[in-house]
PDB file of N, CA and C in Angstrom:
ATOM      1  N   MET A   1      17.826  47.329 132.778  1.00  0.00           N
ATOM      2  CA  MET A   1      17.701  48.506 133.611  1.00  0.00           C
ATOM      3  C   MET A   1      17.200  48.149 134.999  1.00  0.00           C
ATOM      4  N   THR A   2      17.680  48.881 135.965  1.00  0.00           N
ATOM      5  CA  THR A   2      17.197  48.710 137.328  1.00  0.00           C
ATOM      6  C   THR A   2      15.788  49.245 137.434  1.00  0.00           C
ATOM      7  N   ASN A   3      14.960  48.612 138.230  1.00  0.00           N
ATOM      8  CA  ASN A   3      13.584  49.043 138.387  1.00  0.00           C
ATOM      9  C   ASN A   3      13.462  50.011 139.554  1.00  0.00           C
ATOM     10  N   TYR A   4      13.125  51.272 139.263  1.00  0.00           N
ATOM     11  CA  TYR A   4      12.975  52.314 140.268  1.00  0.00           C
ATOM     12  C   TYR A   4      11.529  52.779 140.371  1.00  0.00           C
ATOM     13  N   THR A   5      10.578  51.938 140.054  1.00  0.00           N
ATOM     14  CA  THR A   5       9.187  52.378 139.969  1.00  0.00           C
ATOM     15  C   THR A   5       8.652  52.937 141.273  1.00  0.00           C
ATOM     16  N   THR A   6       9.259  52.597 142.409  1.00  0.00           N
ATOM     17  CA  THR A   6       8.791  53.154 143.671  1.00  0.00           C
ATOM     18  C   THR A   6       9.368  54.541 143.930  1.00  0.00           C
ATOM     19  N   LYS A   7      10.248  55.008 143.069  1.00  0.00           N
ATOM     20  CA  LYS A   7      10.868  56.318 143.239  1.00  0.00           C
ATOM     21  C   LYS A   7      10.118  57.359 142.416  1.00  0.00           C
ATOM     22  N   THR A   8       9.539  58.309 143.119  1.00  0.00           N
ATOM     23  CA  THR A   8       8.785  59.366 142.450  1.00  0.00           C
ATOM     24  C   THR A   8       9.559  60.674 142.562  1.00  0.00           C
ATOM     25  N   VAL A   9       9.719  61.337 141.429  1.00  0.00           N
ATOM     26  CA  VAL A   9      10.466  62.587 141.352  1.00  0.00           C
ATOM     27  C   VAL A   9       9.519  63.702 140.934  1.00  0.00           C
ATOM     28  N   ALA A  10       9.633  64.845 141.607  1.00  0.00           N
ATOM     29  CA  ALA A  10       8.877  66.037 141.215  1.00  0.00           C
ATOM     30  C   ALA A  10       9.804  66.966 140.447  1.00  0.00           C
ATOM     31  N   ILE A  11       9.314  67.445 139.325  1.00  0.00           N
ATOM     32  CA  ILE A  11      10.042  68.450 138.558  1.00  0.00           C
ATOM     33  C   ILE A  11       9.244  69.742 138.664  1.00  0.00           C
ATOM     34  N   VAL A  12       9.905  70.795 139.154  1.00  0.00           N
ATOM     35  CA  VAL A  12       9.247  72.096 139.312  1.00  0.00           C
ATOM     36  C   VAL A  12       9.978  73.089 138.426  1.00  0.00           C
ATOM     37  N   ASP A  13       9.334  73.478 137.332  1.00  0.00           N
ATOM     38  CA  ASP A  13       9.953  74.383 136.361  1.00  0.00           C
ATOM     39  C   ASP A  13       8.845  75.047 135.566  1.00  0.00           C
ATOM     40  N   ASP A  14       8.959  76.344 135.348  1.00  0.00           N
ATOM     41  CA  ASP A  14       7.935  77.057 134.578  1.00  0.00           C
ATOM     42  C   ASP A  14       8.077  76.816 133.076  1.00  0.00           C
ATOM     43  N   ASP A  15       9.191  76.256 132.650  1.00  0.00           N
ATOM     44  CA  ASP A  15       9.449  76.004 131.230  1.00  0.00           C
ATOM     45  C   ASP A  15       8.972  74.595 130.861  1.00  0.00           C
ATOM     46  N   PRO A  16       7.893  74.491 130.084  1.00  0.00           N
ATOM     47  CA  PRO A  16       7.374  73.163 129.744  1.00  0.00           C
ATOM     48  C   PRO A  16       8.376  72.309 128.972  1.00  0.00           C
ATOM     49  N   TYR A  17       9.218  72.923 128.168  1.00  0.00           N
ATOM     50  CA  TYR A  17      10.225  72.170 127.412  1.00  0.00           C
ATOM     51  C   TYR A  17      11.249  71.548 128.367  1.00  0.00           C
ATOM     52  N   ALA A  18      11.704  72.308 129.348  1.00  0.00           N
ATOM     53  CA  ALA A  18      12.667  71.785 130.328  1.00  0.00           C
ATOM     54  C   ALA A  18      12.046  70.630 131.111  1.00  0.00           C
ATOM     55  N   ARG A  19      10.787  70.790 131.532  1.00  0.00           N
ATOM     56  CA  ARG A  19      10.104  69.708 132.254  1.00  0.00           C
ATOM     57  C   ARG A  19      10.024  68.453 131.396  1.00  0.00           C
ATOM     58  N   GLN A  20       9.674  68.631 130.131  1.00  0.00           N
ATOM     59  CA  GLN A  20       9.539  67.492 129.216  1.00  0.00           C
ATOM     60  C   GLN A  20      10.871  66.766 129.044  1.00  0.00           C
ATOM     61  N   MET A  21      11.946  67.511 128.871  1.00  0.00           N
ATOM     62  CA  MET A  21      13.266  66.892 128.669  1.00  0.00           C
ATOM     63  C   MET A  21      13.695  66.098 129.895  1.00  0.00           C
ATOM     64  N   ILE A  22      13.521  66.661 131.076  1.00  0.00           N
ATOM     65  CA  ILE A  22      13.904  65.959 132.305  1.00  0.00           C
ATOM     66  C   ILE A  22      13.005  64.743 132.513  1.00  0.00           C
ATOM     67  N   THR A  23      11.710  64.913 132.275  1.00  0.00           N
ATOM     68  CA  THR A  23      10.773  63.800 132.429  1.00  0.00           C
ATOM     69  C   THR A  23      11.140  62.652 131.516  1.00  0.00           C
ATOM     70  N   GLU A  24      11.404  62.931 130.247  1.00  0.00           N
ATOM     71  CA  GLU A  24      11.757  61.878 129.301  1.00  0.00           C
ATOM     72  C   GLU A  24      13.010  61.129 129.731  1.00  0.00           C
ATOM     73  N   LEU A  25      13.983  61.845 130.263  1.00  0.00           N
ATOM     74  CA  LEU A  25      15.212  61.207 130.744  1.00  0.00           C
ATOM     75  C   LEU A  25      14.918  60.288 131.930  1.00  0.00           C
ATOM     76  N   LEU A  26      14.161  60.769 132.901  1.00  0.00           N
ATOM     77  CA  LEU A  26      13.890  59.984 134.110  1.00  0.00           C
ATOM     78  C   LEU A  26      13.000  58.780 133.831  1.00  0.00           C
ATOM     79  N   ILE A  27      12.058  58.925 132.929  1.00  0.00           N
ATOM     80  CA  ILE A  27      11.164  57.811 132.592  1.00  0.00           C
ATOM     81  C   ILE A  27      11.951  56.651 131.991  1.00  0.00           C
ATOM     82  N   GLN A  28      13.017  56.953 131.273  1.00  0.00           N
ATOM     83  CA  GLN A  28      13.865  55.893 130.704  1.00  0.00           C
ATOM     84  C   GLN A  28      14.428  54.985 131.793  1.00  0.00           C
ATOM     85  N   TYR A  29      14.553  55.517 132.995  1.00  0.00           N
ATOM     86  CA  TYR A  29      15.091  54.750 134.121  1.00  0.00           C
ATOM     87  C   TYR A  29      14.002  54.343 135.107  1.00  0.00           C
ATOM     88  N   ASP A  30      12.773  54.305 134.621  1.00  0.00           N
ATOM     89  CA  ASP A  30      11.621  53.812 135.370  1.00  0.00           C
ATOM     90  C   ASP A  30      11.242  54.647 136.589  1.00  0.00           C
ATOM     91  N   PHE A  31      11.617  55.916 136.601  1.00  0.00           N
ATOM     92  CA  PHE A  31      11.148  56.793 137.662  1.00  0.00           C
ATOM     93  C   PHE A  31       9.737  57.249 137.331  1.00  0.00           C
ATOM     94  N   LYS A  32       8.928  57.423 138.348  1.00  0.00           N
ATOM     95  CA  LYS A  32       7.628  58.062 138.175  1.00  0.00           C
ATOM     96  C   LYS A  32       7.871  59.556 138.339  1.00  0.00           C
ATOM     97  N   VAL A  33       7.345  60.356 137.418  1.00  0.00           N
ATOM     98  CA  VAL A  33       7.592  61.795 137.427  1.00  0.00           C
ATOM     99  C   VAL A  33       6.279  62.543 137.548  1.00  0.00           C
ATOM    100  N   ILE A  34       6.269  63.528 138.431  1.00  0.00           N
ATOM    101  CA  ILE A  34       5.130  64.438 138.554  1.00  0.00           C
ATOM    102  C   ILE A  34       5.664  65.834 138.269  1.00  0.00           C
ATOM    103  N   GLU A  35       5.018  66.520 137.336  1.00  0.00           N
ATOM    104  CA  GLU A  35       5.479  67.838 136.921  1.00  0.00           C
ATOM    105  C   GLU A  35       4.648  68.940 137.568  1.00  0.00           C
ATOM    106  N   TYR A  36       5.335  70.014 137.955  1.00  0.00           N
ATOM    107  CA  TYR A  36       4.697  71.209 138.496  1.00  0.00           C
ATOM    108  C   TYR A  36       5.270  72.415 137.765  1.00  0.00           C
ATOM    109  N   SER A  37       4.420  73.387 137.465  1.00  0.00           N
ATOM    110  CA  SER A  37       4.871  74.547 136.705  1.00  0.00           C
ATOM    111  C   SER A  37       5.260  75.738 137.580  1.00  0.00           C
ATOM    112  N   SER A  38       5.118  75.608 138.900  1.00  0.00           N
ATOM    113  CA  SER A  38       5.473  76.731 139.782  1.00  0.00           C
ATOM    114  C   SER A  38       5.718  76.239 141.198  1.00  0.00           C
ATOM    115  N   GLY A  39       6.377  77.097 141.975  1.00  0.00           N
ATOM    116  CA  GLY A  39       6.571  76.801 143.380  1.00  0.00           C
ATOM    117  C   GLY A  39       5.261  76.739 144.126  1.00  0.00           C
ATOM    118  N   GLU A  40       4.368  77.643 143.795  1.00  0.00           N
ATOM    119  CA  GLU A  40       3.063  77.658 144.444  1.00  0.00           C
ATOM    120  C   GLU A  40       2.317  76.351 144.210  1.00  0.00           C
ATOM    121  N   GLU A  41       2.426  75.830 142.995  1.00  0.00           N
ATOM    122  CA  GLU A  41       1.713  74.592 142.649  1.00  0.00           C
ATOM    123  C   GLU A  41       2.246  73.398 143.450  1.00  0.00           C
ATOM    124  N   VAL A  42       3.556  73.254 143.544  1.00  0.00           N
ATOM    125  CA  VAL A  42       4.101  72.112 144.282  1.00  0.00           C
ATOM    126  C   VAL A  42       3.805  72.246 145.772  1.00  0.00           C
ATOM    127  N   LEU A  43       3.840  73.461 146.302  1.00  0.00           N
ATOM    128  CA  LEU A  43       3.581  73.660 147.727  1.00  0.00           C
ATOM    129  C   LEU A  43       2.121  73.421 148.102  1.00  0.00           C
ATOM    130  N   SER A  44       1.230  73.588 147.155  1.00  0.00           N
ATOM    131  CA  SER A  44      -0.190  73.372 147.449  1.00  0.00           C
ATOM    132  C   SER A  44      -0.624  71.925 147.167  1.00  0.00           C
ATOM    133  N   SER A  45       0.315  71.091 146.757  1.00  0.00           N
ATOM    134  CA  SER A  45       0.006  69.698 146.419  1.00  0.00           C
ATOM    135  C   SER A  45       0.461  68.756 147.533  1.00  0.00           C
ATOM    136  N   ASP A  46      -0.136  67.582 147.553  1.00  0.00           N
ATOM    137  CA  ASP A  46       0.311  66.531 148.457  1.00  0.00           C
ATOM    138  C   ASP A  46       1.478  65.830 147.783  1.00  0.00           C
ATOM    139  N   ILE A  47       2.661  66.042 148.300  1.00  0.00           N
ATOM    140  CA  ILE A  47       3.839  65.426 147.682  1.00  0.00           C
ATOM    141  C   ILE A  47       4.452  64.372 148.611  1.00  0.00           C
ATOM    142  N   SER A  48       3.634  63.753 149.409  1.00  0.00           N
ATOM    143  CA  SER A  48       4.133  62.773 150.377  1.00  0.00           C
ATOM    144  C   SER A  48       4.830  61.582 149.718  1.00  0.00           C
ATOM    145  N   GLU A  49       4.498  61.274 148.469  1.00  0.00           N
ATOM    146  CA  GLU A  49       5.145  60.151 147.791  1.00  0.00           C
ATOM    147  C   GLU A  49       6.435  60.556 147.075  1.00  0.00           C
ATOM    148  N   ILE A  50       6.737  61.843 147.039  1.00  0.00           N
ATOM    149  CA  ILE A  50       7.915  62.347 146.337  1.00  0.00           C
ATOM    150  C   ILE A  50       9.183  61.992 147.110  1.00  0.00           C
ATOM    151  N   LYS A  51      10.171  61.469 146.403  1.00  0.00           N
ATOM    152  CA  LYS A  51      11.452  61.106 147.007  1.00  0.00           C
ATOM    153  C   LYS A  51      12.562  62.097 146.667  1.00  0.00           C
ATOM    154  N   LEU A  52      12.328  62.933 145.622  1.00  0.00           N
ATOM    155  CA  LEU A  52      13.322  63.908 145.179  1.00  0.00           C
ATOM    156  C   LEU A  52      12.600  65.015 144.437  1.00  0.00           C
ATOM    157  N   VAL A  53      13.050  66.259 144.634  1.00  0.00           N
ATOM    158  CA  VAL A  53      12.518  67.398 143.884  1.00  0.00           C
ATOM    159  C   VAL A  53      13.641  67.979 143.041  1.00  0.00           C
ATOM    160  N   ILE A  54      13.358  68.160 141.756  1.00  0.00           N
ATOM    161  CA  ILE A  54      14.270  68.873 140.859  1.00  0.00           C
ATOM    162  C   ILE A  54      13.618  70.227 140.617  1.00  0.00           C
ATOM    163  N   LEU A  55      14.292  71.286 141.045  1.00  0.00           N
ATOM    164  CA  LEU A  55      13.679  72.604 141.170  1.00  0.00           C
ATOM    165  C   LEU A  55      14.450  73.659 140.393  1.00  0.00           C
ATOM    166  N   ASP A  56      13.764  74.357 139.512  1.00  0.00           N
ATOM    167  CA  ASP A  56      14.362  75.471 138.773  1.00  0.00           C
ATOM    168  C   ASP A  56      14.487  76.670 139.700  1.00  0.00           C
ATOM    169  N   VAL A  57      15.554  77.429 139.561  1.00  0.00           N
ATOM    170  CA  VAL A  57      15.759  78.616 140.394  1.00  0.00           C
ATOM    171  C   VAL A  57      14.946  79.792 139.874  1.00  0.00           C
ATOM    172  N   MET A  58      14.999  80.043 138.586  1.00  0.00           N
ATOM    173  CA  MET A  58      14.370  81.233 138.017  1.00  0.00           C
ATOM    174  C   MET A  58      12.967  80.920 137.511  1.00  0.00           C
ATOM    175  N   MET A  59      11.980  81.311 138.321  1.00  0.00           N
ATOM    176  CA  MET A  59      10.572  81.140 137.943  1.00  0.00           C
ATOM    177  C   MET A  59       9.834  82.421 138.320  1.00  0.00           C
ATOM    178  N   PRO A  60       8.815  82.781 137.550  1.00  0.00           N
ATOM    179  CA  PRO A  60       8.019  83.951 137.923  1.00  0.00           C
ATOM    180  C   PRO A  60       7.233  83.672 139.208  1.00  0.00           C
ATOM    181  N   GLY A  61       6.851  84.719 139.901  1.00  0.00           N
ATOM    182  CA  GLY A  61       6.154  84.527 141.170  1.00  0.00           C
ATOM    183  C   GLY A  61       7.158  84.084 142.210  1.00  0.00           C
ATOM    184  N   MET A  62       6.936  82.937 142.788  1.00  0.00           N
ATOM    185  CA  MET A  62       7.851  82.391 143.802  1.00  0.00           C
ATOM    186  C   MET A  62       9.041  81.737 143.106  1.00  0.00           C
ATOM    187  N   ASP A  63      10.240  82.248 143.370  1.00  0.00           N
ATOM    188  CA  ASP A  63      11.415  81.655 142.723  1.00  0.00           C
ATOM    189  C   ASP A  63      11.819  80.353 143.421  1.00  0.00           C
ATOM    190  N   GLY A  64      12.815  79.699 142.869  1.00  0.00           N
ATOM    191  CA  GLY A  64      13.252  78.417 143.393  1.00  0.00           C
ATOM    192  C   GLY A  64      13.843  78.494 144.792  1.00  0.00           C
ATOM    193  N   PHE A  65      14.508  79.606 145.118  1.00  0.00           N
ATOM    194  CA  PHE A  65      15.078  79.754 146.455  1.00  0.00           C
ATOM    195  C   PHE A  65      13.977  79.765 147.513  1.00  0.00           C
ATOM    196  N   GLU A  66      12.935  80.540 147.271  1.00  0.00           N
ATOM    197  CA  GLU A  66      11.814  80.615 148.217  1.00  0.00           C
ATOM    198  C   GLU A  66      11.067  79.278 148.272  1.00  0.00           C
ATOM    199  N   THR A  67      10.855  78.669 147.125  1.00  0.00           N
ATOM    200  CA  THR A  67      10.197  77.367 147.080  1.00  0.00           C
ATOM    201  C   THR A  67      10.994  76.341 147.885  1.00  0.00           C
ATOM    202  N   CYS A  68      12.301  76.336 147.718  1.00  0.00           N
ATOM    203  CA  CYS A  68      13.164  75.416 148.445  1.00  0.00           C
ATOM    204  C   CYS A  68      13.049  75.637 149.950  1.00  0.00           C
ATOM    205  N   ARG A  69      13.105  76.895 150.382  1.00  0.00           N
ATOM    206  CA  ARG A  69      12.968  77.194 151.813  1.00  0.00           C
ATOM    207  C   ARG A  69      11.652  76.676 152.371  1.00  0.00           C
ATOM    208  N   LYS A  70      10.575  76.903 151.636  1.00  0.00           N
ATOM    209  CA  LYS A  70       9.251  76.479 152.108  1.00  0.00           C
ATOM    210  C   LYS A  70       9.108  74.955 152.101  1.00  0.00           C
ATOM    211  N   LEU A  71       9.678  74.297 151.104  1.00  0.00           N
ATOM    212  CA  LEU A  71       9.650  72.832 151.087  1.00  0.00           C
ATOM    213  C   LEU A  71      10.429  72.261 152.272  1.00  0.00           C
ATOM    214  N   LYS A  72      11.575  72.873 152.585  1.00  0.00           N
ATOM    215  CA  LYS A  72      12.377  72.405 153.719  1.00  0.00           C
ATOM    216  C   LYS A  72      11.635  72.617 155.034  1.00  0.00           C
ATOM    217  N   GLU A  73      10.927  73.733 155.157  1.00  0.00           N
ATOM    218  CA  GLU A  73      10.125  73.974 156.363  1.00  0.00           C
ATOM    219  C   GLU A  73       9.022  72.927 156.490  1.00  0.00           C
ATOM    220  N   LYS A  74       8.346  72.663 155.396  1.00  0.00           N
ATOM    221  CA  LYS A  74       7.210  71.752 155.397  1.00  0.00           C
ATOM    222  C   LYS A  74       7.629  70.295 155.627  1.00  0.00           C
ATOM    223  N   TYR A  75       8.782  69.900 155.075  1.00  0.00           N
ATOM    224  CA  TYR A  75       9.223  68.504 155.149  1.00  0.00           C
ATOM    225  C   TYR A  75      10.462  68.332 156.019  1.00  0.00           C
ATOM    226  N   ASP A  76      10.766  69.320 156.844  1.00  0.00           N
ATOM    227  CA  ASP A  76      11.793  69.198 157.875  1.00  0.00           C
ATOM    228  C   ASP A  76      13.138  68.726 157.327  1.00  0.00           C
ATOM    229  N   ASP A  77      13.574  69.271 156.216  1.00  0.00           N
ATOM    230  CA  ASP A  77      14.875  68.966 155.600  1.00  0.00           C
ATOM    231  C   ASP A  77      15.070  67.507 155.192  1.00  0.00           C
ATOM    232  N   ARG A  78      14.035  66.707 155.215  1.00  0.00           N
ATOM    233  CA  ARG A  78      14.186  65.298 154.835  1.00  0.00           C
ATOM    234  C   ARG A  78      14.046  65.073 153.338  1.00  0.00           C
ATOM    235  N   LEU A  79      13.527  66.051 152.628  1.00  0.00           N
ATOM    236  CA  LEU A  79      13.264  65.908 151.203  1.00  0.00           C
ATOM    237  C   LEU A  79      14.469  66.405 150.399  1.00  0.00           C
ATOM    238  N   PRO A  80      15.142  65.521 149.657  1.00  0.00           N
ATOM    239  CA  PRO A  80      16.268  65.963 148.835  1.00  0.00           C
ATOM    240  C   PRO A  80      15.789  66.874 147.701  1.00  0.00           C
ATOM    241  N   ILE A  81      16.535  67.958 147.486  1.00  0.00           N
ATOM    242  CA  ILE A  81      16.189  68.916 146.442  1.00  0.00           C
ATOM    243  C   ILE A  81      17.431  69.204 145.614  1.00  0.00           C
ATOM    244  N   ILE A  82      17.295  69.057 144.302  1.00  0.00           N
ATOM    245  CA  ILE A  82      18.341  69.441 143.358  1.00  0.00           C
ATOM    246  C   ILE A  82      17.858  70.710 142.678  1.00  0.00           C
ATOM    247  N   MET A  83      18.681  71.754 142.739  1.00  0.00           N
ATOM    248  CA  MET A  83      18.294  73.018 142.118  1.00  0.00           C
ATOM    249  C   MET A  83      19.046  73.189 140.806  1.00  0.00           C
ATOM    250  N   LEU A  84      18.284  73.581 139.776  1.00  0.00           N
ATOM    251  CA  LEU A  84      18.839  73.828 138.449  1.00  0.00           C
ATOM    252  C   LEU A  84      18.860  75.326 138.184  1.00  0.00           C
ATOM    253  N   THR A  85      19.962  75.805 137.632  1.00  0.00           N
ATOM    254  CA  THR A  85      20.029  77.220 137.315  1.00  0.00           C
ATOM    255  C   THR A  85      21.033  77.487 136.205  1.00  0.00           C
ATOM    256  N   ALA A  86      20.767  78.539 135.469  1.00  0.00           N
ATOM    257  CA  ALA A  86      21.715  79.028 134.484  1.00  0.00           C
ATOM    258  C   ALA A  86      22.514  80.190 135.071  1.00  0.00           C
ATOM    259  N   LEU A  87      22.175  80.594 136.300  1.00  0.00           N
ATOM    260  CA  LEU A  87      22.915  81.671 136.960  1.00  0.00           C
ATOM    261  C   LEU A  87      24.344  81.216 137.199  1.00  0.00           C
ATOM    262  N   ASP A  88      25.299  82.109 136.955  1.00  0.00           N
ATOM    263  CA  ASP A  88      26.687  81.703 137.145  1.00  0.00           C
ATOM    264  C   ASP A  88      27.446  82.593 138.118  1.00  0.00           C
ATOM    265  N   ASP A  89      26.735  83.475 138.813  1.00  0.00           N
ATOM    266  CA  ASP A  89      27.415  84.319 139.789  1.00  0.00           C
ATOM    267  C   ASP A  89      27.567  83.589 141.120  1.00  0.00           C
ATOM    268  N   LYS A  90      28.623  83.893 141.850  1.00  0.00           N
ATOM    269  CA  LYS A  90      28.934  83.198 143.099  1.00  0.00           C
ATOM    270  C   LYS A  90      27.865  83.398 144.158  1.00  0.00           C
ATOM    271  N   GLU A  91      27.271  84.575 144.233  1.00  0.00           N
ATOM    272  CA  GLU A  91      26.255  84.838 145.253  1.00  0.00           C
ATOM    273  C   GLU A  91      25.043  83.949 145.083  1.00  0.00           C
ATOM    274  N   SER A  92      24.607  83.737 143.861  1.00  0.00           N
ATOM    275  CA  SER A  92      23.458  82.854 143.610  1.00  0.00           C
ATOM    276  C   SER A  92      23.784  81.415 143.989  1.00  0.00           C
ATOM    277  N   LYS A  93      24.992  80.988 143.710  1.00  0.00           N
ATOM    278  CA  LYS A  93      25.391  79.613 144.004  1.00  0.00           C
ATOM    279  C   LYS A  93      25.472  79.352 145.512  1.00  0.00           C
ATOM    280  N   LYS A  94      25.807  80.369 146.306  1.00  0.00           N
ATOM    281  CA  LYS A  94      25.922  80.212 147.753  1.00  0.00           C
ATOM    282  C   LYS A  94      24.606  80.418 148.478  1.00  0.00           C
ATOM    283  N   ARG A  95      23.650  80.991 147.827  1.00  0.00           N
ATOM    284  CA  ARG A  95      22.390  81.377 148.460  1.00  0.00           C
ATOM    285  C   ARG A  95      21.644  80.174 149.005  1.00  0.00           C
ATOM    286  N   GLU A  96      21.061  80.341 150.168  1.00  0.00           N
ATOM    287  CA  GLU A  96      20.282  79.259 150.791  1.00  0.00           C
ATOM    288  C   GLU A  96      18.822  79.599 150.780  1.00  0.00           C
TER     289      GLU A  96
END
């Protein structure tokens, strides 16, 4: 396996099972994973070492769309974000 130990990924999801599944997958490839249970939690943390955010869309409180907007404001669009959703309507998929 390739060594990716310098790559830190943040998983932001209110579902602990989803976080666990993604974490277990990424750890197999030597990624360091930091888990957050909400948008508010990740935004209030120092994520300067994070190289990628995997972000759930549907969360109570601040949803993934708002969290994504705030992360982009804070990190000037330099932080790659992958959004996960079970939504299948076209409007949700186009939303920024």
